Amino acid sequence: MPSTGYGVSFSPDSQYIAVGHSISPYFTLLKRNGDTVSLASTYTLSGTCRSVSFSPDGRYIAVAHTNSPRFTLLKAGGTYHTQAPTVLEYKGKKYYLVEPNDSLRIIDIK
């Protein structure tokens, strides 16, 4: 890792490990193969990552960090990940991510 780690999360299938850290790119995705771990990809956040967590289905990675927007939702896709759209669907319901007054809320829009 390039710096101090502040958060780590295993994917639900235990094949990937998401790690947040204090120096850019601030987020690293590792791939596990038995006892071997290799770099899958990195993602540059706007600030130091404080925590990471995979969604229960492994499709998304939630990342909290120090600079605005302070929260980034990444869409996990094997060895790549991209910033998720602002409208998400989860278990048949749609949710909209909004950022009023520099904080994040998830609103159920069904």
PDB file of N, CA and C in Angstrom:
ATOM      1  N   MET A   1       0.834  -1.175   0.000  1.00  0.00           N
ATOM      2  CA  MET A   1       0.000   0.000   0.000  1.00  0.00           C
ATOM      3  C   MET A   1       0.883   1.243   0.000  1.00  0.00           C
ATOM      4  N   PRO A   2       0.400   2.284  -0.643  1.00  0.00           N
ATOM      5  CA  PRO A   2       1.222   3.492  -0.737  1.00  0.00           C
ATOM      6  C   PRO A   2       1.283   4.304   0.549  1.00  0.00           C
ATOM      7  N   SER A   3       0.387   4.031   1.507  1.00  0.00           N
ATOM      8  CA  SER A   3       0.346   4.847   2.719  1.00  0.00           C
ATOM      9  C   SER A   3      -0.471   4.153   3.803  1.00  0.00           C
ATOM     10  N   THR A   4      -0.739   4.879   4.876  1.00  0.00           N
ATOM     11  CA  THR A   4      -1.535   4.360   5.988  1.00  0.00           C
ATOM     12  C   THR A   4      -2.920   3.954   5.521  1.00  0.00           C
ATOM     13  N   GLY A   5      -3.337   2.758   5.885  1.00  0.00           N
ATOM     14  CA  GLY A   5      -4.673   2.286   5.540  1.00  0.00           C
ATOM     15  C   GLY A   5      -5.687   2.728   6.573  1.00  0.00           C
ATOM     16  N   TYR A   6      -6.861   3.172   6.107  1.00  0.00           N
ATOM     17  CA  TYR A   6      -7.910   3.612   7.019  1.00  0.00           C
ATOM     18  C   TYR A   6      -9.177   2.774   6.916  1.00  0.00           C
ATOM     19  N   GLY A   7      -9.298   1.957   5.909  1.00  0.00           N
ATOM     20  CA  GLY A   7     -10.488   1.134   5.777  1.00  0.00           C
ATOM     21  C   GLY A   7     -10.207  -0.034   4.869  1.00  0.00           C
ATOM     22  N   VAL A   8     -10.851  -1.167   5.162  1.00  0.00           N
ATOM     23  CA  VAL A   8     -10.681  -2.349   4.329  1.00  0.00           C
ATOM     24  C   VAL A   8     -11.985  -3.132   4.337  1.00  0.00           C
ATOM     25  N   SER A   9     -12.324  -3.738   3.189  1.00  0.00           N
ATOM     26  CA  SER A   9     -13.551  -4.516   3.092  1.00  0.00           C
ATOM     27  C   SER A   9     -13.372  -5.641   2.082  1.00  0.00           C
ATOM     28  N   PHE A  10     -13.782  -6.844   2.454  1.00  0.00           N
ATOM     29  CA  PHE A  10     -13.794  -7.971   1.526  1.00  0.00           C
ATOM     30  C   PHE A  10     -15.087  -7.953   0.726  1.00  0.00           C
ATOM     31  N   SER A  11     -14.999  -8.294  -0.555  1.00  0.00           N
ATOM     32  CA  SER A  11     -16.208  -8.464  -1.352  1.00  0.00           C
ATOM     33  C   SER A  11     -16.980  -9.663  -0.808  1.00  0.00           C
ATOM     34  N   PRO A  12     -18.285  -9.731  -1.069  1.00  0.00           N
ATOM     35  CA  PRO A  12     -19.075 -10.854  -0.551  1.00  0.00           C
ATOM     36  C   PRO A  12     -18.553 -12.230  -0.966  1.00  0.00           C
ATOM     37  N   ASP A  13     -17.910 -12.316  -2.141  1.00  0.00           N
ATOM     38  CA  ASP A  13     -17.362 -13.600  -2.589  1.00  0.00           C
ATOM     39  C   ASP A  13     -15.906 -13.794  -2.156  1.00  0.00           C
ATOM     40  N   SER A  14     -15.356 -12.845  -1.406  1.00  0.00           N
ATOM     41  CA  SER A  14     -13.987 -12.858  -0.876  1.00  0.00           C
ATOM     42  C   SER A  14     -12.900 -12.849  -1.946  1.00  0.00           C
ATOM     43  N   GLN A  15     -13.236 -12.536  -3.192  1.00  0.00           N
ATOM     44  CA  GLN A  15     -12.236 -12.477  -4.252  1.00  0.00           C
ATOM     45  C   GLN A  15     -11.546 -11.123  -4.335  1.00  0.00           C
ATOM     46  N   TYR A  16     -12.169 -10.069  -3.812  1.00  0.00           N
ATOM     47  CA  TYR A  16     -11.604  -8.727  -3.880  1.00  0.00           C
ATOM     48  C   TYR A  16     -11.514  -8.112  -2.499  1.00  0.00           C
ATOM     49  N   ILE A  17     -10.517  -7.245  -2.317  1.00  0.00           N
ATOM     50  CA  ILE A  17     -10.339  -6.510  -1.072  1.00  0.00           C
ATOM     51  C   ILE A  17     -10.233  -5.039  -1.439  1.00  0.00           C
ATOM     52  N   ALA A  18     -11.134  -4.233  -0.912  1.00  0.00           N
ATOM     53  CA  ALA A  18     -11.108  -2.787  -1.131  1.00  0.00           C
ATOM     54  C   ALA A  18     -10.363  -2.148   0.034  1.00  0.00           C
ATOM     55  N   VAL A  19      -9.415  -1.253  -0.279  1.00  0.00           N
ATOM     56  CA  VAL A  19      -8.601  -0.618   0.751  1.00  0.00           C
ATOM     57  C   VAL A  19      -8.595   0.889   0.534  1.00  0.00           C
ATOM     58  N   GLY A  20      -8.900   1.627   1.589  1.00  0.00           N
ATOM     59  CA  GLY A  20      -8.799   3.085   1.552  1.00  0.00           C
ATOM     60  C   GLY A  20      -7.539   3.509   2.267  1.00  0.00           C
ATOM     61  N   HIS A  21      -6.875   4.570   1.764  1.00  0.00           N
ATOM     62  CA  HIS A  21      -5.629   4.997   2.388  1.00  0.00           C
ATOM     63  C   HIS A  21      -5.454   6.502   2.315  1.00  0.00           C
ATOM     64  N   SER A  22      -4.345   6.995   2.885  1.00  0.00           N
ATOM     65  CA  SER A  22      -4.170   8.423   3.121  1.00  0.00           C
ATOM     66  C   SER A  22      -3.435   9.191   2.020  1.00  0.00           C
ATOM     67  N   ILE A  23      -2.898   8.519   1.015  1.00  0.00           N
ATOM     68  CA  ILE A  23      -2.189   9.194  -0.075  1.00  0.00           C
ATOM     69  C   ILE A  23      -2.834   8.804  -1.405  1.00  0.00           C
ATOM     70  N   SER A  24      -2.880   9.768  -2.329  1.00  0.00           N
ATOM     71  CA  SER A  24      -3.475   9.522  -3.642  1.00  0.00           C
ATOM     72  C   SER A  24      -2.877   8.281  -4.276  1.00  0.00           C
ATOM     73  N   PRO A  25      -3.702   7.419  -4.833  1.00  0.00           N
ATOM     74  CA  PRO A  25      -5.063   7.622  -5.315  1.00  0.00           C
ATOM     75  C   PRO A  25      -6.144   7.410  -4.261  1.00  0.00           C
ATOM     76  N   TYR A  26      -5.809   7.138  -3.017  1.00  0.00           N
ATOM     77  CA  TYR A  26      -6.718   7.011  -1.873  1.00  0.00           C
ATOM     78  C   TYR A  26      -7.555   5.736  -1.843  1.00  0.00           C
ATOM     79  N   PHE A  27      -7.708   5.043  -2.975  1.00  0.00           N
ATOM     80  CA  PHE A  27      -8.499   3.808  -3.006  1.00  0.00           C
ATOM     81  C   PHE A  27      -7.799   2.781  -3.881  1.00  0.00           C
ATOM     82  N   THR A  28      -7.680   1.557  -3.353  1.00  0.00           N
ATOM     83  CA  THR A  28      -7.054   0.469  -4.090  1.00  0.00           C
ATOM     84  C   THR A  28      -7.944  -0.760  -4.010  1.00  0.00           C
ATOM     85  N   LEU A  29      -8.086  -1.440  -5.132  1.00  0.00           N
ATOM     86  CA  LEU A  29      -8.824  -2.696  -5.173  1.00  0.00           C
ATOM     87  C   LEU A  29      -7.821  -3.809  -5.447  1.00  0.00           C
ATOM     88  N   LEU A  30      -7.800  -4.792  -4.547  1.00  0.00           N
ATOM     89  CA  LEU A  30      -6.895  -5.924  -4.671  1.00  0.00           C
ATOM     90  C   LEU A  30      -7.684  -7.172  -5.050  1.00  0.00           C
ATOM     91  N   LYS A  31      -7.048  -8.085  -5.783  1.00  0.00           N
ATOM     92  CA  LYS A  31      -7.679  -9.351  -6.156  1.00  0.00           C
ATOM     93  C   LYS A  31      -6.964 -10.468  -5.419  1.00  0.00           C
ATOM     94  N   ARG A  32      -7.765 -11.321  -4.799  1.00  0.00           N
ATOM     95  CA  ARG A  32      -7.245 -12.469  -4.062  1.00  0.00           C
ATOM     96  C   ARG A  32      -7.336 -13.710  -4.913  1.00  0.00           C
ATOM     97  N   ASN A  33      -6.266 -14.489  -4.921  1.00  0.00           N
ATOM     98  CA  ASN A  33      -6.256 -15.780  -5.605  1.00  0.00           C
ATOM     99  C   ASN A  33      -5.554 -16.755  -4.661  1.00  0.00           C
ATOM    100  N   GLY A  34      -6.353 -17.454  -3.845  1.00  0.00           N
ATOM    101  CA  GLY A  34      -5.759 -18.309  -2.825  1.00  0.00           C
ATOM    102  C   GLY A  34      -5.029 -17.466  -1.798  1.00  0.00           C
ATOM    103  N   ASP A  35      -3.742 -17.730  -1.611  1.00  0.00           N
ATOM    104  CA  ASP A  35      -2.935 -16.968  -0.661  1.00  0.00           C
ATOM    105  C   ASP A  35      -2.210 -15.796  -1.306  1.00  0.00           C
ATOM    106  N   THR A  36      -2.435 -15.568  -2.593  1.00  0.00           N
ATOM    107  CA  THR A  36      -1.771 -14.487  -3.322  1.00  0.00           C
ATOM    108  C   THR A  36      -2.719 -13.308  -3.493  1.00  0.00           C
ATOM    109  N   VAL A  37      -2.213 -12.103  -3.280  1.00  0.00           N
ATOM    110  CA  VAL A  37      -2.986 -10.879  -3.471  1.00  0.00           C
ATOM    111  C   VAL A  37      -2.264 -10.015  -4.487  1.00  0.00           C
ATOM    112  N   SER A  38      -3.010  -9.513  -5.490  1.00  0.00           N
ATOM    113  CA  SER A  38      -2.403  -8.652  -6.514  1.00  0.00           C
ATOM    114  C   SER A  38      -3.262  -7.421  -6.724  1.00  0.00           C
ATOM    115  N   LEU A  39      -2.667  -6.401  -7.309  1.00  0.00           N
ATOM    116  CA  LEU A  39      -3.371  -5.161  -7.597  1.00  0.00           C
ATOM    117  C   LEU A  39      -4.372  -5.388  -8.724  1.00  0.00           C
ATOM    118  N   ALA A  40      -5.635  -5.046  -8.486  1.00  0.00           N
ATOM    119  CA  ALA A  40      -6.655  -5.107  -9.530  1.00  0.00           C
ATOM    120  C   ALA A  40      -6.798  -3.736 -10.179  1.00  0.00           C
ATOM    121  N   SER A  41      -6.932  -2.677  -9.363  1.00  0.00           N
ATOM    122  CA  SER A  41      -7.045  -1.320  -9.892  1.00  0.00           C
ATOM    123  C   SER A  41      -6.988  -0.304  -8.759  1.00  0.00           C
ATOM    124  N   THR A  42      -6.941   0.967  -9.141  1.00  0.00           N
ATOM    125  CA  THR A  42      -6.991   2.067  -8.184  1.00  0.00           C
ATOM    126  C   THR A  42      -8.043   3.061  -8.663  1.00  0.00           C
ATOM    127  N   TYR A  43      -8.471   3.921  -7.761  1.00  0.00           N
ATOM    128  CA  TYR A  43      -9.423   4.979  -8.110  1.00  0.00           C
ATOM    129  C   TYR A  43      -9.031   6.218  -7.328  1.00  0.00           C
ATOM    130  N   THR A  44      -8.896   7.342  -8.008  1.00  0.00           N
ATOM    131  CA  THR A  44      -8.483   8.573  -7.345  1.00  0.00           C
ATOM    132  C   THR A  44      -9.698   9.288  -6.774  1.00  0.00           C
ATOM    133  N   LEU A  45      -9.714   9.421  -5.456  1.00  0.00           N
ATOM    134  CA  LEU A  45     -10.770  10.146  -4.750  1.00  0.00           C
ATOM    135  C   LEU A  45     -10.338  11.583  -4.531  1.00  0.00           C
ATOM    136  N   SER A  46     -11.235  12.401  -4.002  1.00  0.00           N
ATOM    137  CA  SER A  46     -10.919  13.810  -3.771  1.00  0.00           C
ATOM    138  C   SER A  46     -10.181  14.048  -2.449  1.00  0.00           C
ATOM    139  N   GLY A  47     -10.017  13.011  -1.635  1.00  0.00           N
ATOM    140  CA  GLY A  47      -9.318  13.174  -0.369  1.00  0.00           C
ATOM    141  C   GLY A  47      -9.094  11.838   0.304  1.00  0.00           C
ATOM    142  N   THR A  48      -8.435  11.874   1.462  1.00  0.00           N
ATOM    143  CA  THR A  48      -8.103  10.680   2.218  1.00  0.00           C
ATOM    144  C   THR A  48      -9.339   9.826   2.481  1.00  0.00           C
ATOM    145  N   CYS A  49      -9.233   8.557   2.167  1.00  0.00           N
ATOM    146  CA  CYS A  49     -10.325   7.619   2.396  1.00  0.00           C
ATOM    147  C   CYS A  49     -10.382   7.278   3.880  1.00  0.00           C
ATOM    148  N   ARG A  50     -11.563   7.295   4.451  1.00  0.00           N
ATOM    149  CA  ARG A  50     -11.733   6.964   5.871  1.00  0.00           C
ATOM    150  C   ARG A  50     -12.383   5.610   6.087  1.00  0.00           C
ATOM    151  N   SER A  51     -13.228   5.160   5.159  1.00  0.00           N
ATOM    152  CA  SER A  51     -13.828   3.837   5.295  1.00  0.00           C
ATOM    153  C   SER A  51     -14.344   3.354   3.950  1.00  0.00           C
ATOM    154  N   VAL A  52     -14.410   2.038   3.800  1.00  0.00           N
ATOM    155  CA  VAL A  52     -14.918   1.420   2.578  1.00  0.00           C
ATOM    156  C   VAL A  52     -15.802   0.238   2.952  1.00  0.00           C
ATOM    157  N   SER A  53     -16.800  -0.032   2.111  1.00  0.00           N
ATOM    158  CA  SER A  53     -17.668  -1.175   2.368  1.00  0.00           C
ATOM    159  C   SER A  53     -18.334  -1.624   1.067  1.00  0.00           C
ATOM    160  N   PHE A  54     -18.295  -2.924   0.818  1.00  0.00           N
ATOM    161  CA  PHE A  54     -19.015  -3.489  -0.320  1.00  0.00           C
ATOM    162  C   PHE A  54     -20.495  -3.584   0.025  1.00  0.00           C
ATOM    163  N   SER A  55     -21.342  -3.433  -0.973  1.00  0.00           N
ATOM    164  CA  SER A  55     -22.764  -3.704  -0.783  1.00  0.00           C
ATOM    165  C   SER A  55     -22.932  -5.211  -0.604  1.00  0.00           C
ATOM    166  N   PRO A  56     -24.035  -5.648  -0.004  1.00  0.00           N
ATOM    167  CA  PRO A  56     -24.227  -7.082   0.233  1.00  0.00           C
ATOM    168  C   PRO A  56     -24.151  -7.936  -1.036  1.00  0.00           C
ATOM    169  N   ASP A  57     -24.557  -7.379  -2.178  1.00  0.00           N
ATOM    170  CA  ASP A  57     -24.511  -8.139  -3.438  1.00  0.00           C
ATOM    171  C   ASP A  57     -23.187  -7.966  -4.177  1.00  0.00           C
ATOM    172  N   GLY A  58     -22.279  -7.130  -3.643  1.00  0.00           N
ATOM    173  CA  GLY A  58     -20.963  -6.937  -4.242  1.00  0.00           C
ATOM    174  C   GLY A  58     -20.941  -6.032  -5.461  1.00  0.00           C
ATOM    175  N   ARG A  59     -22.065  -5.420  -5.816  1.00  0.00           N
ATOM    176  CA  ARG A  59     -22.134  -4.584  -7.015  1.00  0.00           C
ATOM    177  C   ARG A  59     -21.591  -3.178  -6.800  1.00  0.00           C
ATOM    178  N   TYR A  60     -21.578  -2.708  -5.553  1.00  0.00           N
ATOM    179  CA  TYR A  60     -21.138  -1.349  -5.263  1.00  0.00           C
ATOM    180  C   TYR A  60     -20.146  -1.347  -4.111  1.00  0.00           C
ATOM    181  N   ILE A  61     -19.303  -0.302  -4.097  1.00  0.00           N
ATOM    182  CA  ILE A  61     -18.382  -0.081  -2.995  1.00  0.00           C
ATOM    183  C   ILE A  61     -18.621   1.342  -2.496  1.00  0.00           C
ATOM    184  N   ALA A  62     -19.030   1.484  -1.251  1.00  0.00           N
ATOM    185  CA  ALA A  62     -19.244   2.796  -0.648  1.00  0.00           C
ATOM    186  C   ALA A  62     -17.932   3.252  -0.023  1.00  0.00           C
ATOM    187  N   VAL A  63     -17.556   4.507  -0.321  1.00  0.00           N
ATOM    188  CA  VAL A  63     -16.288   5.042   0.161  1.00  0.00           C
ATOM    189  C   VAL A  63     -16.535   6.396   0.814  1.00  0.00           C
ATOM    190  N   ALA A  64     -16.151   6.536   2.077  1.00  0.00           N
ATOM    191  CA  ALA A  64     -16.217   7.828   2.762  1.00  0.00           C
ATOM    192  C   ALA A  64     -14.820   8.433   2.748  1.00  0.00           C
ATOM    193  N   HIS A  65     -14.744   9.740   2.430  1.00  0.00           N
ATOM    194  CA  HIS A  65     -13.433  10.399   2.372  1.00  0.00           C
ATOM    195  C   HIS A  65     -13.508  11.823   2.872  1.00  0.00           C
ATOM    196  N   THR A  66     -12.342  12.464   3.029  1.00  0.00           N
ATOM    197  CA  THR A  66     -12.256  13.741   3.744  1.00  0.00           C
ATOM    198  C   THR A  66     -12.701  14.963   2.955  1.00  0.00           C
ATOM    199  N   ASN A  67     -12.640  14.966   1.648  1.00  0.00           N
ATOM    200  CA  ASN A  67     -12.997  16.158   0.877  1.00  0.00           C
ATOM    201  C   ASN A  67     -14.322  15.970   0.151  1.00  0.00           C
ATOM    202  N   SER A  68     -14.959  17.094  -0.181  1.00  0.00           N
ATOM    203  CA  SER A  68     -16.241  17.056  -0.875  1.00  0.00           C
ATOM    204  C   SER A  68     -16.110  16.253  -2.162  1.00  0.00           C
ATOM    205  N   PRO A  69     -17.037  15.362  -2.454  1.00  0.00           N
ATOM    206  CA  PRO A  69     -18.371  15.237  -1.857  1.00  0.00           C
ATOM    207  C   PRO A  69     -18.417  14.373  -0.606  1.00  0.00           C
ATOM    208  N   ARG A  70     -17.272  13.978  -0.064  1.00  0.00           N
ATOM    209  CA  ARG A  70     -17.134  13.208   1.170  1.00  0.00           C
ATOM    210  C   ARG A  70     -17.653  11.776   1.090  1.00  0.00           C
ATOM    211  N   PHE A  71     -18.322  11.437   0.022  1.00  0.00           N
ATOM    212  CA  PHE A  71     -18.828  10.084  -0.184  1.00  0.00           C
ATOM    213  C   PHE A  71     -18.815   9.801  -1.684  1.00  0.00           C
ATOM    214  N   THR A  72     -18.282   8.661  -2.052  1.00  0.00           N
ATOM    215  CA  THR A  72     -18.297   8.234  -3.449  1.00  0.00           C
ATOM    216  C   THR A  72     -18.816   6.807  -3.483  1.00  0.00           C
ATOM    217  N   LEU A  73     -19.732   6.561  -4.387  1.00  0.00           N
ATOM    218  CA  LEU A  73     -20.243   5.214  -4.565  1.00  0.00           C
ATOM    219  C   LEU A  73     -19.664   4.690  -5.864  1.00  0.00           C
ATOM    220  N   LEU A  74     -18.877   3.616  -5.755  1.00  0.00           N
ATOM    221  CA  LEU A  74     -18.243   3.023  -6.918  1.00  0.00           C
ATOM    222  C   LEU A  74     -19.025   1.800  -7.358  1.00  0.00           C
ATOM    223  N   LYS A  75     -19.188   1.645  -8.649  1.00  0.00           N
ATOM    224  CA  LYS A  75     -19.815   0.452  -9.195  1.00  0.00           C
ATOM    225  C   LYS A  75     -18.701  -0.545  -9.447  1.00  0.00           C
ATOM    226  N   ALA A  76     -18.768  -1.669  -8.757  1.00  0.00           N
ATOM    227  CA  ALA A  76     -17.726  -2.684  -8.872  1.00  0.00           C
ATOM    228  C   ALA A  76     -17.974  -3.522 -10.117  1.00  0.00           C
ATOM    229  N   GLY A  77     -16.921  -3.808 -10.834  1.00  0.00           N
ATOM    230  CA  GLY A  77     -17.049  -4.620 -12.034  1.00  0.00           C
ATOM    231  C   GLY A  77     -15.808  -5.449 -12.256  1.00  0.00           C
ATOM    232  N   GLY A  78     -15.588  -6.435 -11.407  1.00  0.00           N
ATOM    233  CA  GLY A  78     -14.389  -7.244 -11.562  1.00  0.00           C
ATOM    234  C   GLY A  78     -13.161  -6.425 -11.234  1.00  0.00           C
ATOM    235  N   THR A  79     -12.255  -6.300 -12.186  1.00  0.00           N
ATOM    236  CA  THR A  79     -11.015  -5.574 -11.928  1.00  0.00           C
ATOM    237  C   THR A  79     -11.120  -4.087 -12.273  1.00  0.00           C
ATOM    238  N   TYR A  80     -12.322  -3.604 -12.482  1.00  0.00           N
ATOM    239  CA  TYR A  80     -12.479  -2.168 -12.715  1.00  0.00           C
ATOM    240  C   TYR A  80     -13.612  -1.658 -11.834  1.00  0.00           C
ATOM    241  N   HIS A  81     -13.659  -0.353 -11.658  1.00  0.00           N
ATOM    242  CA  HIS A  81     -14.769   0.265 -10.957  1.00  0.00           C
ATOM    243  C   HIS A  81     -14.908   1.695 -11.453  1.00  0.00           C
ATOM    244  N   THR A  82     -16.120   2.174 -11.470  1.00  0.00           N
ATOM    245  CA  THR A  82     -16.411   3.523 -11.921  1.00  0.00           C
ATOM    246  C   THR A  82     -17.348   4.174 -10.919  1.00  0.00           C
ATOM    247  N   GLN A  83     -17.418   5.494 -10.954  1.00  0.00           N
ATOM    248  CA  GLN A  83     -18.350   6.169 -10.067  1.00  0.00           C
ATOM    249  C   GLN A  83     -19.764   5.796 -10.483  1.00  0.00           C
ATOM    250  N   ALA A  84     -20.572   5.443  -9.518  1.00  0.00           N
ATOM    251  CA  ALA A  84     -21.939   5.005  -9.794  1.00  0.00           C
ATOM    252  C   ALA A  84     -22.815   6.199 -10.170  1.00  0.00           C
ATOM    253  N   PRO A  85     -23.902   5.941 -10.876  1.00  0.00           N
ATOM    254  CA  PRO A  85     -24.830   7.017 -11.211  1.00  0.00           C
ATOM    255  C   PRO A  85     -25.531   7.532  -9.966  1.00  0.00           C
ATOM    256  N   THR A  86     -26.203   8.672 -10.087  1.00  0.00           N
ATOM    257  CA  THR A  86     -26.883   9.242  -8.935  1.00  0.00           C
ATOM    258  C   THR A  86     -28.222   8.575  -8.656  1.00  0.00           C
ATOM    259  N   VAL A  87     -28.726   7.800  -9.597  1.00  0.00           N
ATOM    260  CA  VAL A  87     -29.936   7.026  -9.348  1.00  0.00           C
ATOM    261  C   VAL A  87     -29.554   5.551  -9.343  1.00  0.00           C
ATOM    262  N   LEU A  88     -29.856   4.874  -8.252  1.00  0.00           N
ATOM    263  CA  LEU A  88     -29.496   3.475  -8.094  1.00  0.00           C
ATOM    264  C   LEU A  88     -30.739   2.623  -7.971  1.00  0.00           C
ATOM    265  N   GLU A  89     -30.626   1.386  -8.368  1.00  0.00           N
ATOM    266  CA  GLU A  89     -31.708   0.446  -8.135  1.00  0.00           C
ATOM    267  C   GLU A  89     -31.160  -0.654  -7.245  1.00  0.00           C
ATOM    268  N   TYR A  90     -31.901  -0.953  -6.188  1.00  0.00           N
ATOM    269  CA  TYR A  90     -31.491  -1.993  -5.254  1.00  0.00           C
ATOM    270  C   TYR A  90     -32.725  -2.744  -4.801  1.00  0.00           C
ATOM    271  N   LYS A  91     -32.713  -4.058  -5.022  1.00  0.00           N
ATOM    272  CA  LYS A  91     -33.840  -4.920  -4.670  1.00  0.00           C
ATOM    273  C   LYS A  91     -35.156  -4.385  -5.227  1.00  0.00           C
ATOM    274  N   GLY A  92     -35.119  -3.958  -6.490  1.00  0.00           N
ATOM    275  CA  GLY A  92     -36.330  -3.519  -7.166  1.00  0.00           C
ATOM    276  C   GLY A  92     -36.789  -2.108  -6.845  1.00  0.00           C
ATOM    277  N   LYS A  93     -36.075  -1.402  -5.963  1.00  0.00           N
ATOM    278  CA  LYS A  93     -36.440  -0.027  -5.625  1.00  0.00           C
ATOM    279  C   LYS A  93     -35.368   0.912  -6.150  1.00  0.00           C
ATOM    280  N   LYS A  94     -35.772   2.116  -6.538  1.00  0.00           N
ATOM    281  CA  LYS A  94     -34.819   3.118  -7.017  1.00  0.00           C
ATOM    282  C   LYS A  94     -34.519   4.111  -5.909  1.00  0.00           C
ATOM    283  N   TYR A  95     -33.248   4.522  -5.839  1.00  0.00           N
ATOM    284  CA  TYR A  95     -32.799   5.476  -4.844  1.00  0.00           C
ATOM    285  C   TYR A  95     -32.041   6.590  -5.560  1.00  0.00           C
ATOM    286  N   TYR A  96     -32.179   7.803  -5.073  1.00  0.00           N
ATOM    287  CA  TYR A  96     -31.523   8.959  -5.658  1.00  0.00           C
ATOM    288  C   TYR A  96     -30.541   9.530  -4.648  1.00  0.00           C
ATOM    289  N   LEU A  97     -29.303   9.728  -5.070  1.00  0.00           N
ATOM    290  CA  LEU A  97     -28.281  10.300  -4.200  1.00  0.00           C
ATOM    291  C   LEU A  97     -28.292  11.814  -4.349  1.00  0.00           C
ATOM    292  N   VAL A  98     -28.450  12.521  -3.249  1.00  0.00           N
ATOM    293  CA  VAL A  98     -28.436  13.980  -3.281  1.00  0.00           C
ATOM    294  C   VAL A  98     -27.387  14.488  -2.307  1.00  0.00           C
ATOM    295  N   GLU A  99     -26.935  15.702  -2.535  1.00  0.00           N
ATOM    296  CA  GLU A  99     -25.875  16.261  -1.710  1.00  0.00           C
ATOM    297  C   GLU A  99     -26.242  17.671  -1.237  1.00  0.00           C
ATOM    298  N   PRO A 100     -27.258  17.802  -0.391  1.00  0.00           N
ATOM    299  CA  PRO A 100     -27.614  19.132   0.098  1.00  0.00           C
ATOM    300  C   PRO A 100     -26.655  19.592   1.188  1.00  0.00           C
ATOM    301  N   ASN A 101     -26.254  20.835   1.134  1.00  0.00           N
ATOM    302  CA  ASN A 101     -25.409  21.415   2.177  1.00  0.00           C
ATOM    303  C   ASN A 101     -24.169  20.578   2.496  1.00  0.00           C
ATOM    304  N   ASP A 102     -23.552  20.029   1.464  1.00  0.00           N
ATOM    305  CA  ASP A 102     -22.293  19.295   1.602  1.00  0.00           C
ATOM    306  C   ASP A 102     -22.407  18.019   2.423  1.00  0.00           C
ATOM    307  N   SER A 103     -23.598  17.443   2.513  1.00  0.00           N
ATOM    308  CA  SER A 103     -23.745  16.133   3.152  1.00  0.00           C
ATOM    309  C   SER A 103     -24.559  15.268   2.207  1.00  0.00           C
ATOM    310  N   LEU A 104     -24.488  13.981   2.380  1.00  0.00           N
ATOM    311  CA  LEU A 104     -25.139  13.076   1.444  1.00  0.00           C
ATOM    312  C   LEU A 104     -26.332  12.399   2.080  1.00  0.00           C
ATOM    313  N   ARG A 105     -27.407  12.312   1.317  1.00  0.00           N
ATOM    314  CA  ARG A 105     -28.571  11.549   1.751  1.00  0.00           C
ATOM    315  C   ARG A 105     -28.981  10.630   0.626  1.00  0.00           C
ATOM    316  N   ILE A 106     -29.533   9.501   0.951  1.00  0.00           N
ATOM    317  CA  ILE A 106     -30.091   8.607  -0.045  1.00  0.00           C
ATOM    318  C   ILE A 106     -31.591   8.660   0.109  1.00  0.00           C
ATOM    319  N   ILE A 107     -32.283   9.044  -0.952  1.00  0.00           N
ATOM    320  CA  ILE A 107     -33.726   9.209  -0.920  1.00  0.00           C
ATOM    321  C   ILE A 107     -34.370   8.109  -1.736  1.00  0.00           C
ATOM    322  N   ASP A 108     -35.330   7.437  -1.155  1.00  0.00           N
ATOM    323  CA  ASP A 108     -36.080   6.379  -1.841  1.00  0.00           C
ATOM    324  C   ASP A 108     -37.076   7.048  -2.783  1.00  0.00           C
ATOM    325  N   ILE A 109     -36.934   6.797  -4.105  1.00  0.00           N
ATOM    326  CA  ILE A 109     -37.878   7.377  -5.053  1.00  0.00           C
ATOM    327  C   ILE A 109     -38.764   6.320  -5.682  1.00  0.00           C
ATOM    328  N   LYS A 110     -38.680   5.096  -5.189  1.00  0.00           N
ATOM    329  CA  LYS A 110     -39.483   3.969  -5.647  1.00  0.00           C
ATOM    330  C   LYS A 110     -39.521   3.958  -7.137  1.00  0.00           C
TER     331      LYS A 110
END
